[in-house]
Amino acid sequence: ELVARIQSILRRVRDGRDTPRDEPPSQLRFADWTLHSVLRQLQAPSGL
């Protein structure tokens, strides 16, 4: 099972590097909350 897990991890890493990724939006707003992708921060409706 350890061998299978190692092989699975390495496949995912290889596939992830080979697949082009779209640039994520800088932020997403939902229900008055804001999630910032670059800062990796969650902003509450109050601004906190």
ModelCIF file with pLDDT and N, C-alpha, C, O atoms, coordinates in Angstrom:
data_MODEL
#
_entry.id   MODEL 
#
_entity.id                         1 
_entity.type                       polymer 
_entity.pdbx_number_of_molecules   1 
#
_entity_poly.entity_id                      1 
_entity_poly.type                           'polypeptide(L)' 
_entity_poly.nstd_linkage                   no 
_entity_poly.nstd_monomer                   no 
_entity_poly.pdbx_seq_one_letter_code       ELVARIQSILRRVRDGRDTPRDEPPSQLRFADWTLHSVLRQLQAPSGL 
_entity_poly.pdbx_seq_one_letter_code_can   ELVARIQSILRRVRDGRDTPRDEPPSQLRFADWTLHSVLRQLQAPSGL 
_entity_poly.pdbx_strand_id                 A 
#
loop_
_entity_poly_seq.entity_id 
_entity_poly_seq.num 
_entity_poly_seq.mon_id 
_entity_poly_seq.hetero 
1 1  GLU n 
1 2  LEU n 
1 3  VAL n 
1 4  ALA n 
1 5  ARG n 
1 6  ILE n 
1 7  GLN n 
1 8  SER n 
1 9  ILE n 
1 10 LEU n 
1 11 ARG n 
1 12 ARG n 
1 13 VAL n 
1 14 ARG n 
1 15 ASP n 
1 16 GLY n 
1 17 ARG n 
1 18 ASP n 
1 19 THR n 
1 20 PRO n 
1 21 ARG n 
1 22 ASP n 
1 23 GLU n 
1 24 PRO n 
1 25 PRO n 
1 26 SER n 
1 27 GLN n 
1 28 LEU n 
1 29 ARG n 
1 30 PHE n 
1 31 ALA n 
1 32 ASP n 
1 33 TRP n 
1 34 THR n 
1 35 LEU n 
1 36 HIS n 
1 37 SER n 
1 38 VAL n 
1 39 LEU n 
1 40 ARG n 
1 41 GLN n 
1 42 LEU n 
1 43 GLN n 
1 44 ALA n 
1 45 PRO n 
1 46 SER n 
1 47 GLY n 
1 48 LEU n 
#
_struct_asym.id          A 
_struct_asym.entity_id   1 
#
loop_
_ma_qa_metric.id 
_ma_qa_metric.mode 
_ma_qa_metric.name 
_ma_qa_metric.software_group_id 
_ma_qa_metric.type 
1 global pLDDT . pLDDT 
2 local  pLDDT . pLDDT 
#
_ma_qa_metric_global.metric_id      1 
_ma_qa_metric_global.metric_value   81.48 
_ma_qa_metric_global.model_id       1 
_ma_qa_metric_global.ordinal_id     1 
#
loop_
_ma_qa_metric_local.label_asym_id 
_ma_qa_metric_local.label_comp_id 
_ma_qa_metric_local.label_seq_id 
_ma_qa_metric_local.metric_id 
_ma_qa_metric_local.metric_value 
_ma_qa_metric_local.model_id 
_ma_qa_metric_local.ordinal_id 
A GLU 1  2 92.00 1 1  
A LEU 2  2 93.00 1 2  
A VAL 3  2 94.00 1 3  
A ALA 4  2 92.00 1 4  
A ARG 5  2 89.00 1 5  
A ILE 6  2 92.00 1 6  
A GLN 7  2 90.00 1 7  
A SER 8  2 86.00 1 8  
A ILE 9  2 85.00 1 9  
A LEU 10 2 87.00 1 10 
A ARG 11 2 84.00 1 11 
A ARG 12 2 75.00 1 12 
A VAL 13 2 73.00 1 13 
A ARG 14 2 73.00 1 14 
A ASP 15 2 65.00 1 15 
A GLY 16 2 55.00 1 16 
A ARG 17 2 53.00 1 17 
A ASP 18 2 51.00 1 18 
A THR 19 2 51.00 1 19 
A PRO 20 2 50.00 1 20 
A ARG 21 2 49.00 1 21 
A ASP 22 2 58.00 1 22 
A GLU 23 2 59.00 1 23 
A PRO 24 2 64.00 1 24 
A PRO 25 2 80.00 1 25 
A SER 26 2 84.00 1 26 
A GLN 27 2 89.00 1 27 
A LEU 28 2 91.00 1 28 
A ARG 29 2 93.00 1 29 
A PHE 30 2 94.00 1 30 
A ALA 31 2 93.00 1 31 
A ASP 32 2 93.00 1 32 
A TRP 33 2 95.00 1 33 
A THR 34 2 94.00 1 34 
A LEU 35 2 93.00 1 35 
A HIS 36 2 90.00 1 36 
A SER 37 2 83.00 1 37 
A VAL 38 2 79.00 1 38 
A LEU 39 2 79.00 1 39 
A ARG 40 2 80.00 1 40 
A GLN 41 2 86.00 1 41 
A LEU 42 2 92.00 1 42 
A GLN 43 2 94.00 1 43 
A ALA 44 2 94.00 1 44 
A PRO 45 2 94.00 1 45 
A SER 46 2 94.00 1 46 
A GLY 47 2 93.00 1 47 
A LEU 48 2 94.00 1 48 
#
loop_
_atom_site.group_PDB 
_atom_site.id 
_atom_site.type_symbol 
_atom_site.label_atom_id 
_atom_site.label_alt_id 
_atom_site.label_comp_id 
_atom_site.label_asym_id 
_atom_site.label_entity_id 
_atom_site.label_seq_id 
_atom_site.pdbx_PDB_ins_code 
_atom_site.Cartn_x 
_atom_site.Cartn_y 
_atom_site.Cartn_z 
_atom_site.occupancy 
_atom_site.B_iso_or_equiv 
_atom_site.pdbx_formal_charge 
_atom_site.auth_seq_id 
_atom_site.auth_comp_id 
_atom_site.auth_asym_id 
_atom_site.auth_atom_id 
_atom_site.pdbx_PDB_model_num 
ATOM 1   N N  . GLU A 1 1  ? 0.839   -1.198 0.000   1.00 92.00 ? 1  GLU A N  1 
ATOM 2   C CA . GLU A 1 1  ? 0.000   0.000  0.000   1.00 92.00 ? 1  GLU A CA 1 
ATOM 3   C C  . GLU A 1 1  ? 0.877   1.252  0.000   1.00 92.00 ? 1  GLU A C  1 
ATOM 4   O O  . GLU A 1 1  ? 0.546   2.244  -0.650  1.00 92.00 ? 1  GLU A O  1 
ATOM 5   N N  . LEU A 1 2  ? 1.980   1.207  0.720   1.00 93.00 ? 2  LEU A N  1 
ATOM 6   C CA . LEU A 1 2  ? 2.900   2.344  0.721   1.00 93.00 ? 2  LEU A CA 1 
ATOM 7   C C  . LEU A 1 2  ? 3.407   2.621  -0.689  1.00 93.00 ? 2  LEU A C  1 
ATOM 8   O O  . LEU A 1 2  ? 3.478   3.774  -1.115  1.00 93.00 ? 2  LEU A O  1 
ATOM 9   N N  . VAL A 1 3  ? 3.757   1.570  -1.404  1.00 94.00 ? 3  VAL A N  1 
ATOM 10  C CA . VAL A 1 3  ? 4.212   1.734  -2.790  1.00 94.00 ? 3  VAL A CA 1 
ATOM 11  C C  . VAL A 1 3  ? 3.119   2.387  -3.627  1.00 94.00 ? 3  VAL A C  1 
ATOM 12  O O  . VAL A 1 3  ? 3.387   3.308  -4.399  1.00 94.00 ? 3  VAL A O  1 
ATOM 13  N N  . ALA A 1 4  ? 1.890   1.908  -3.473  1.00 92.00 ? 4  ALA A N  1 
ATOM 14  C CA . ALA A 1 4  ? 0.766   2.459  -4.252  1.00 92.00 ? 4  ALA A CA 1 
ATOM 15  C C  . ALA A 1 4  ? 0.562   3.934  -3.936  1.00 92.00 ? 4  ALA A C  1 
ATOM 16  O O  . ALA A 1 4  ? 0.279   4.734  -4.828  1.00 92.00 ? 4  ALA A O  1 
ATOM 17  N N  . ARG A 1 5  ? 0.703   4.288  -2.675  1.00 89.00 ? 5  ARG A N  1 
ATOM 18  C CA . ARG A 1 5  ? 0.521   5.691  -2.297  1.00 89.00 ? 5  ARG A CA 1 
ATOM 19  C C  . ARG A 1 5  ? 1.634   6.572  -2.857  1.00 89.00 ? 5  ARG A C  1 
ATOM 20  O O  . ARG A 1 5  ? 1.374   7.681  -3.322  1.00 89.00 ? 5  ARG A O  1 
ATOM 21  N N  . ILE A 1 6  ? 2.859   6.088  -2.814  1.00 92.00 ? 6  ILE A N  1 
ATOM 22  C CA . ILE A 1 6  ? 3.976   6.844  -3.399  1.00 92.00 ? 6  ILE A CA 1 
ATOM 23  C C  . ILE A 1 6  ? 3.721   7.073  -4.882  1.00 92.00 ? 6  ILE A C  1 
ATOM 24  O O  . ILE A 1 6  ? 3.861   8.190  -5.381  1.00 92.00 ? 6  ILE A O  1 
ATOM 25  N N  . GLN A 1 7  ? 3.349   6.013  -5.579  1.00 90.00 ? 7  GLN A N  1 
ATOM 26  C CA . GLN A 1 7  ? 3.105   6.133  -7.016  1.00 90.00 ? 7  GLN A CA 1 
ATOM 27  C C  . GLN A 1 7  ? 1.946   7.077  -7.298  1.00 90.00 ? 7  GLN A C  1 
ATOM 28  O O  . GLN A 1 7  ? 1.989   7.834  -8.268  1.00 90.00 ? 7  GLN A O  1 
ATOM 29  N N  . SER A 1 8  ? 0.907   7.043  -6.462  1.00 86.00 ? 8  SER A N  1 
ATOM 30  C CA . SER A 1 8  ? -0.247  7.923  -6.648  1.00 86.00 ? 8  SER A CA 1 
ATOM 31  C C  . SER A 1 8  ? 0.143   9.390  -6.446  1.00 86.00 ? 8  SER A C  1 
ATOM 32  O O  . SER A 1 8  ? -0.260  10.255 -7.224  1.00 86.00 ? 8  SER A O  1 
ATOM 33  N N  . ILE A 1 9  ? 0.921   9.665  -5.411  1.00 85.00 ? 9  ILE A N  1 
ATOM 34  C CA . ILE A 1 9  ? 1.374   11.038 -5.161  1.00 85.00 ? 9  ILE A CA 1 
ATOM 35  C C  . ILE A 1 9  ? 2.179   11.556 -6.336  1.00 85.00 ? 9  ILE A C  1 
ATOM 36  O O  . ILE A 1 9  ? 1.964   12.678 -6.795  1.00 85.00 ? 9  ILE A O  1 
ATOM 37  N N  . LEU A 1 10 ? 3.102   10.746 -6.823  1.00 87.00 ? 10 LEU A N  1 
ATOM 38  C CA . LEU A 1 10 ? 3.972   11.194 -7.911  1.00 87.00 ? 10 LEU A CA 1 
ATOM 39  C C  . LEU A 1 10 ? 3.194   11.388 -9.208  1.00 87.00 ? 10 LEU A C  1 
ATOM 40  O O  . LEU A 1 10 ? 3.530   12.272 -9.996  1.00 87.00 ? 10 LEU A O  1 
ATOM 41  N N  . ARG A 1 11 ? 2.160   10.578 -9.446  1.00 84.00 ? 11 ARG A N  1 
ATOM 42  C CA . ARG A 1 11 ? 1.304   10.792 -10.622 1.00 84.00 ? 11 ARG A CA 1 
ATOM 43  C C  . ARG A 1 11 ? 0.585   12.124 -10.526 1.00 84.00 ? 11 ARG A C  1 
ATOM 44  O O  . ARG A 1 11 ? 0.501   12.861 -11.508 1.00 84.00 ? 11 ARG A O  1 
ATOM 45  N N  . ARG A 1 12 ? 0.065   12.436 -9.343  1.00 75.00 ? 12 ARG A N  1 
ATOM 46  C CA . ARG A 1 12 ? -0.648  13.694 -9.168  1.00 75.00 ? 12 ARG A CA 1 
ATOM 47  C C  . ARG A 1 12 ? 0.272   14.889 -9.362  1.00 75.00 ? 12 ARG A C  1 
ATOM 48  O O  . ARG A 1 12 ? -0.111  15.890 -9.969  1.00 75.00 ? 12 ARG A O  1 
ATOM 49  N N  . VAL A 1 13 ? 1.484   14.777 -8.843  1.00 73.00 ? 13 VAL A N  1 
ATOM 50  C CA . VAL A 1 13 ? 2.447   15.863 -9.008  1.00 73.00 ? 13 VAL A CA 1 
ATOM 51  C C  . VAL A 1 13 ? 2.787   16.050 -10.480 1.00 73.00 ? 13 VAL A C  1 
ATOM 52  O O  . VAL A 1 13 ? 2.823   17.178 -10.973 1.00 73.00 ? 13 VAL A O  1 
ATOM 53  N N  . ARG A 1 14 ? 3.035   14.950 -11.184 1.00 73.00 ? 14 ARG A N  1 
ATOM 54  C CA . ARG A 1 14 ? 3.369   15.021 -12.604 1.00 73.00 ? 14 ARG A CA 1 
ATOM 55  C C  . ARG A 1 14 ? 2.216   15.593 -13.413 1.00 73.00 ? 14 ARG A C  1 
ATOM 56  O O  . ARG A 1 14 ? 2.415   16.455 -14.269 1.00 73.00 ? 14 ARG A O  1 
ATOM 57  N N  . ASP A 1 15 ? 0.994   15.106 -13.135 1.00 65.00 ? 15 ASP A N  1 
ATOM 58  C CA . ASP A 1 15 ? -0.164  15.597 -13.887 1.00 65.00 ? 15 ASP A CA 1 
ATOM 59  C C  . ASP A 1 15 ? -0.414  17.070 -13.608 1.00 65.00 ? 15 ASP A C  1 
ATOM 60  O O  . ASP A 1 15 ? -0.785  17.826 -14.506 1.00 65.00 ? 15 ASP A O  1 
ATOM 61  N N  . GLY A 1 16 ? -0.209  17.477 -12.356 1.00 55.00 ? 16 GLY A N  1 
ATOM 62  C CA . GLY A 1 16 ? -0.415  18.872 -12.010 1.00 55.00 ? 16 GLY A CA 1 
ATOM 63  C C  . GLY A 1 16 ? 0.563   19.790 -12.700 1.00 55.00 ? 16 GLY A C  1 
ATOM 64  O O  . GLY A 1 16 ? 0.210   20.909 -13.069 1.00 55.00 ? 16 GLY A O  1 
ATOM 65  N N  . ARG A 1 17 ? 1.795   19.332 -12.881 1.00 53.00 ? 17 ARG A N  1 
ATOM 66  C CA . ARG A 1 17 ? 2.794   20.164 -13.541 1.00 53.00 ? 17 ARG A CA 1 
ATOM 67  C C  . ARG A 1 17 ? 2.588   20.201 -15.048 1.00 53.00 ? 17 ARG A C  1 
ATOM 68  O O  . ARG A 1 17 ? 2.954   21.173 -15.708 1.00 53.00 ? 17 ARG A O  1 
ATOM 69  N N  . ASP A 1 18 ? 1.997   19.133 -15.593 1.00 51.00 ? 18 ASP A N  1 
ATOM 70  C CA . ASP A 1 18 ? 1.801   19.072 -17.043 1.00 51.00 ? 18 ASP A CA 1 
ATOM 71  C C  . ASP A 1 18 ? 0.537   19.790 -17.498 1.00 51.00 ? 18 ASP A C  1 
ATOM 72  O O  . ASP A 1 18 ? 0.410   20.129 -18.675 1.00 51.00 ? 18 ASP A O  1 
ATOM 73  N N  . THR A 1 19 ? -0.408  20.028 -16.571 1.00 51.00 ? 19 THR A N  1 
ATOM 74  C CA . THR A 1 19 ? -1.682  20.636 -16.940 1.00 51.00 ? 19 THR A CA 1 
ATOM 75  C C  . THR A 1 19 ? -1.629  22.142 -16.766 1.00 51.00 ? 19 THR A C  1 
ATOM 76  O O  . THR A 1 19 ? -1.393  22.621 -15.657 1.00 51.00 ? 19 THR A O  1 
ATOM 77  N N  . PRO A 1 20 ? -1.844  22.908 -17.840 1.00 50.00 ? 20 PRO A N  1 
ATOM 78  C CA . PRO A 1 20 ? -1.848  24.368 -17.705 1.00 50.00 ? 20 PRO A CA 1 
ATOM 79  C C  . PRO A 1 20 ? -2.985  24.815 -16.777 1.00 50.00 ? 20 PRO A C  1 
ATOM 80  O O  . PRO A 1 20 ? -4.087  24.269 -16.828 1.00 50.00 ? 20 PRO A O  1 
ATOM 81  N N  . ARG A 1 21 ? -2.705  25.812 -15.930 1.00 49.00 ? 21 ARG A N  1 
ATOM 82  C CA . ARG A 1 21 ? -3.698  26.299 -14.988 1.00 49.00 ? 21 ARG A CA 1 
ATOM 83  C C  . ARG A 1 21 ? -4.080  27.735 -15.316 1.00 49.00 ? 21 ARG A C  1 
ATOM 84  O O  . ARG A 1 21 ? -3.220  28.570 -15.598 1.00 49.00 ? 21 ARG A O  1 
ATOM 85  N N  . ASP A 1 22 ? -5.381  28.012 -15.277 1.00 58.00 ? 22 ASP A N  1 
ATOM 86  C CA . ASP A 1 22 ? -5.844  29.380 -15.453 1.00 58.00 ? 22 ASP A CA 1 
ATOM 87  C C  . ASP A 1 22 ? -5.457  30.199 -14.221 1.00 58.00 ? 22 ASP A C  1 
ATOM 88  O O  . ASP A 1 22 ? -5.422  29.689 -13.101 1.00 58.00 ? 22 ASP A O  1 
ATOM 89  N N  . GLU A 1 23 ? -5.171  31.472 -14.456 1.00 59.00 ? 23 GLU A N  1 
ATOM 90  C CA . GLU A 1 23 ? -4.851  32.355 -13.338 1.00 59.00 ? 23 GLU A CA 1 
ATOM 91  C C  . GLU A 1 23 ? -6.101  32.542 -12.484 1.00 59.00 ? 23 GLU A C  1 
ATOM 92  O O  . GLU A 1 23 ? -7.140  32.946 -13.005 1.00 59.00 ? 23 GLU A O  1 
ATOM 93  N N  . PRO A 1 24 ? -6.024  32.253 -11.165 1.00 64.00 ? 24 PRO A N  1 
ATOM 94  C CA . PRO A 1 24 ? -7.209  32.389 -10.323 1.00 64.00 ? 24 PRO A CA 1 
ATOM 95  C C  . PRO A 1 24 ? -7.565  33.858 -10.117 1.00 64.00 ? 24 PRO A C  1 
ATOM 96  O O  . PRO A 1 24 ? -6.684  34.717 -10.175 1.00 64.00 ? 24 PRO A O  1 
ATOM 97  N N  . PRO A 1 25 ? -8.833  34.158 -9.878  1.00 80.00 ? 25 PRO A N  1 
ATOM 98  C CA . PRO A 1 25 ? -9.206  35.546 -9.588  1.00 80.00 ? 25 PRO A CA 1 
ATOM 99  C C  . PRO A 1 25 ? -8.545  36.008 -8.298  1.00 80.00 ? 25 PRO A C  1 
ATOM 100 O O  . PRO A 1 25 ? -8.235  35.199 -7.424  1.00 80.00 ? 25 PRO A O  1 
ATOM 101 N N  . SER A 1 26 ? -8.334  37.299 -8.188  1.00 84.00 ? 26 SER A N  1 
ATOM 102 C CA . SER A 1 26 ? -7.659  37.828 -6.999  1.00 84.00 ? 26 SER A CA 1 
ATOM 103 C C  . SER A 1 26 ? -8.548  37.751 -5.764  1.00 84.00 ? 26 SER A C  1 
ATOM 104 O O  . SER A 1 26 ? -8.045  37.711 -4.641  1.00 84.00 ? 26 SER A O  1 
ATOM 105 N N  . GLN A 1 27 ? -9.864  37.728 -5.961  1.00 89.00 ? 27 GLN A N  1 
ATOM 106 C CA . GLN A 1 27 ? -10.764 37.606 -4.834  1.00 89.00 ? 27 GLN A CA 1 
ATOM 107 C C  . GLN A 1 27 ? -12.111 37.059 -5.292  1.00 89.00 ? 27 GLN A C  1 
ATOM 108 O O  . GLN A 1 27 ? -12.489 37.186 -6.457  1.00 89.00 ? 27 GLN A O  1 
ATOM 109 N N  . LEU A 1 28 ? -12.819 36.454 -4.358  1.00 91.00 ? 28 LEU A N  1 
ATOM 110 C CA . LEU A 1 28 ? -14.171 35.962 -4.600  1.00 91.00 ? 28 LEU A CA 1 
ATOM 111 C C  . LEU A 1 28 ? -15.068 36.502 -3.500  1.00 91.00 ? 28 LEU A C  1 
ATOM 112 O O  . LEU A 1 28 ? -14.726 36.429 -2.319  1.00 91.00 ? 28 LEU A O  1 
ATOM 113 N N  . ARG A 1 29 ? -16.220 37.045 -3.891  1.00 93.00 ? 29 ARG A N  1 
ATOM 114 C CA . ARG A 1 29 ? -17.180 37.592 -2.939  1.00 93.00 ? 29 ARG A CA 1 
ATOM 115 C C  . ARG A 1 29 ? -18.422 36.698 -2.894  1.00 93.00 ? 29 ARG A C  1 
ATOM 116 O O  . ARG A 1 29 ? -18.941 36.274 -3.928  1.00 93.00 ? 29 ARG A O  1 
ATOM 117 N N  . PHE A 1 30 ? -18.884 36.424 -1.675  1.00 94.00 ? 30 PHE A N  1 
ATOM 118 C CA . PHE A 1 30 ? -20.058 35.572 -1.496  1.00 94.00 ? 30 PHE A CA 1 
ATOM 119 C C  . PHE A 1 30 ? -20.734 35.953 -0.175  1.00 94.00 ? 30 PHE A C  1 
ATOM 120 O O  . PHE A 1 30 ? -20.073 36.082 0.855   1.00 94.00 ? 30 PHE A O  1 
ATOM 121 N N  . ALA A 1 31 ? -22.025 36.126 -0.218  1.00 93.00 ? 31 ALA A N  1 
ATOM 122 C CA . ALA A 1 31 ? -22.825 36.409 0.985   1.00 93.00 ? 31 ALA A CA 1 
ATOM 123 C C  . ALA A 1 31 ? -22.184 37.499 1.843   1.00 93.00 ? 31 ALA A C  1 
ATOM 124 O O  . ALA A 1 31 ? -22.152 37.393 3.069   1.00 93.00 ? 31 ALA A O  1 
ATOM 125 N N  . ASP A 1 32 ? -21.679 38.540 1.194   1.00 93.00 ? 32 ASP A N  1 
ATOM 126 C CA . ASP A 1 32 ? -21.038 39.693 1.853   1.00 93.00 ? 32 ASP A CA 1 
ATOM 127 C C  . ASP A 1 32 ? -19.669 39.374 2.439   1.00 93.00 ? 32 ASP A C  1 
ATOM 128 O O  . ASP A 1 32 ? -19.070 40.227 3.094   1.00 93.00 ? 32 ASP A O  1 
ATOM 129 N N  . TRP A 1 33 ? -19.166 38.174 2.221   1.00 95.00 ? 33 TRP A N  1 
ATOM 130 C CA . TRP A 1 33 ? -17.805 37.808 2.621   1.00 95.00 ? 33 TRP A CA 1 
ATOM 131 C C  . TRP A 1 33 ? -16.895 37.951 1.399   1.00 95.00 ? 33 TRP A C  1 
ATOM 132 O O  . TRP A 1 33 ? -17.366 37.897 0.263   1.00 95.00 ? 33 TRP A O  1 
ATOM 133 N N  . THR A 1 34 ? -15.596 38.133 1.632   1.00 94.00 ? 34 THR A N  1 
ATOM 134 C CA . THR A 1 34 ? -14.619 38.216 0.552   1.00 94.00 ? 34 THR A CA 1 
ATOM 135 C C  . THR A 1 34 ? -13.422 37.331 0.882   1.00 94.00 ? 34 THR A C  1 
ATOM 136 O O  . THR A 1 34 ? -12.840 37.433 1.962   1.00 94.00 ? 34 THR A O  1 
ATOM 137 N N  . LEU A 1 35 ? -13.065 36.469 -0.052  1.00 93.00 ? 35 LEU A N  1 
ATOM 138 C CA . LEU A 1 35 ? -11.883 35.626 0.105   1.00 93.00 ? 35 LEU A CA 1 
ATOM 139 C C  . LEU A 1 35 ? -10.826 36.107 -0.878  1.00 93.00 ? 35 LEU A C  1 
ATOM 140 O O  . LEU A 1 35 ? -11.051 36.089 -2.088  1.00 93.00 ? 35 LEU A O  1 
ATOM 141 N N  . HIS A 1 36 ? -9.671  36.537 -0.366  1.00 90.00 ? 36 HIS A N  1 
ATOM 142 C CA . HIS A 1 36 ? -8.576  37.048 -1.180  1.00 90.00 ? 36 HIS A CA 1 
ATOM 143 C C  . HIS A 1 36 ? -7.598  35.914 -1.497  1.00 90.00 ? 36 HIS A C  1 
ATOM 144 O O  . HIS A 1 36 ? -7.046  35.295 -0.587  1.00 90.00 ? 36 HIS A O  1 
ATOM 145 N N  . SER A 1 37 ? -7.386  35.646 -2.782  1.00 83.00 ? 37 SER A N  1 
ATOM 146 C CA . SER A 1 37 ? -6.549  34.515 -3.171  1.00 83.00 ? 37 SER A CA 1 
ATOM 147 C C  . SER A 1 37 ? -5.061  34.786 -2.959  1.00 83.00 ? 37 SER A C  1 
ATOM 148 O O  . SER A 1 37 ? -4.321  33.882 -2.569  1.00 83.00 ? 37 SER A O  1 
ATOM 149 N N  . VAL A 1 38 ? -4.615  36.014 -3.211  1.00 79.00 ? 38 VAL A N  1 
ATOM 150 C CA . VAL A 1 38 ? -3.194  36.320 -3.071  1.00 79.00 ? 38 VAL A CA 1 
ATOM 151 C C  . VAL A 1 38 ? -2.809  36.435 -1.602  1.00 79.00 ? 38 VAL A C  1 
ATOM 152 O O  . VAL A 1 38 ? -1.815  35.855 -1.166  1.00 79.00 ? 38 VAL A O  1 
ATOM 153 N N  . LEU A 1 39 ? -3.597  37.183 -0.846  1.00 79.00 ? 39 LEU A N  1 
ATOM 154 C CA . LEU A 1 39 ? -3.329  37.354 0.578   1.00 79.00 ? 39 LEU A CA 1 
ATOM 155 C C  . LEU A 1 39 ? -3.742  36.133 1.390   1.00 79.00 ? 39 LEU A C  1 
ATOM 156 O O  . LEU A 1 39 ? -3.315  35.962 2.532   1.00 79.00 ? 39 LEU A O  1 
ATOM 157 N N  . ARG A 1 40 ? -4.585  35.277 0.787   1.00 80.00 ? 40 ARG A N  1 
ATOM 158 C CA . ARG A 1 40 ? -5.112  34.094 1.470   1.00 80.00 ? 40 ARG A CA 1 
ATOM 159 C C  . ARG A 1 40 ? -5.810  34.501 2.765   1.00 80.00 ? 40 ARG A C  1 
ATOM 160 O O  . ARG A 1 40 ? -5.582  33.917 3.824   1.00 80.00 ? 40 ARG A O  1 
ATOM 161 N N  . GLN A 1 41 ? -6.669  35.520 2.653   1.00 86.00 ? 41 GLN A N  1 
ATOM 162 C CA . GLN A 1 41 ? -7.390  36.052 3.798   1.00 86.00 ? 41 GLN A CA 1 
ATOM 163 C C  . GLN A 1 41 ? -8.889  36.048 3.544   1.00 86.00 ? 41 GLN A C  1 
ATOM 164 O O  . GLN A 1 41 ? -9.348  36.191 2.411   1.00 86.00 ? 41 GLN A O  1 
ATOM 165 N N  . LEU A 1 42 ? -9.633  35.883 4.619   1.00 92.00 ? 42 LEU A N  1 
ATOM 166 C CA . LEU A 1 42 ? -11.088 35.944 4.575   1.00 92.00 ? 42 LEU A CA 1 
ATOM 167 C C  . LEU A 1 42 ? -11.527 37.233 5.269   1.00 92.00 ? 42 LEU A C  1 
ATOM 168 O O  . LEU A 1 42 ? -11.156 37.486 6.415   1.00 92.00 ? 42 LEU A O  1 
ATOM 169 N N  . GLN A 1 43 ? -12.310 38.034 4.576   1.00 94.00 ? 43 GLN A N  1 
ATOM 170 C CA . GLN A 1 43 ? -12.781 39.301 5.135   1.00 94.00 ? 43 GLN A CA 1 
ATOM 171 C C  . GLN A 1 43 ? -14.265 39.211 5.421   1.00 94.00 ? 43 GLN A C  1 
ATOM 172 O O  . GLN A 1 43 ? -15.058 38.887 4.537   1.00 94.00 ? 43 GLN A O  1 
ATOM 173 N N  . ALA A 1 44 ? -14.640 39.500 6.660   1.00 94.00 ? 44 ALA A N  1 
ATOM 174 C CA . ALA A 1 44 ? -16.040 39.430 7.080   1.00 94.00 ? 44 ALA A CA 1 
ATOM 175 C C  . ALA A 1 44 ? -16.833 40.612 6.534   1.00 94.00 ? 44 ALA A C  1 
ATOM 176 O O  . ALA A 1 44 ? -16.239 41.605 6.116   1.00 94.00 ? 44 ALA A O  1 
ATOM 177 N N  . PRO A 1 45 ? -18.169 40.526 6.529   1.00 94.00 ? 45 PRO A N  1 
ATOM 178 C CA . PRO A 1 45 ? -18.988 41.659 6.078   1.00 94.00 ? 45 PRO A CA 1 
ATOM 179 C C  . PRO A 1 45 ? -18.670 42.956 6.824   1.00 94.00 ? 45 PRO A C  1 
ATOM 180 O O  . PRO A 1 45 ? -18.833 44.045 6.274   1.00 94.00 ? 45 PRO A O  1 
ATOM 181 N N  . SER A 1 46 ? -18.217 42.839 8.080   1.00 94.00 ? 46 SER A N  1 
ATOM 182 C CA . SER A 1 46 ? -17.879 44.026 8.872   1.00 94.00 ? 46 SER A CA 1 
ATOM 183 C C  . SER A 1 46 ? -16.546 44.638 8.472   1.00 94.00 ? 46 SER A C  1 
ATOM 184 O O  . SER A 1 46 ? -16.210 45.740 8.906   1.00 94.00 ? 46 SER A O  1 
ATOM 185 N N  . GLY A 1 47 ? -15.781 43.921 7.640   1.00 93.00 ? 47 GLY A N  1 
ATOM 186 C CA . GLY A 1 47 ? -14.451 44.375 7.259   1.00 93.00 ? 47 GLY A CA 1 
ATOM 187 C C  . GLY A 1 47 ? -13.346 43.714 8.050   1.00 93.00 ? 47 GLY A C  1 
ATOM 188 O O  . GLY A 1 47 ? -12.172 43.851 7.709   1.00 93.00 ? 47 GLY A O  1 
ATOM 189 N N  . LEU A 1 48 ? -13.706 42.994 9.110   1.00 94.00 ? 48 LEU A N  1 
ATOM 190 C CA . LEU A 1 48 ? -12.723 42.305 9.936   1.00 94.00 ? 48 LEU A CA 1 
ATOM 191 C C  . LEU A 1 48 ? -12.085 41.153 9.169   1.00 94.00 ? 48 LEU A C  1 
ATOM 192 O O  . LEU A 1 48 ? -11.227 40.453 9.707   1.00 94.00 ? 48 LEU A O  1 
#
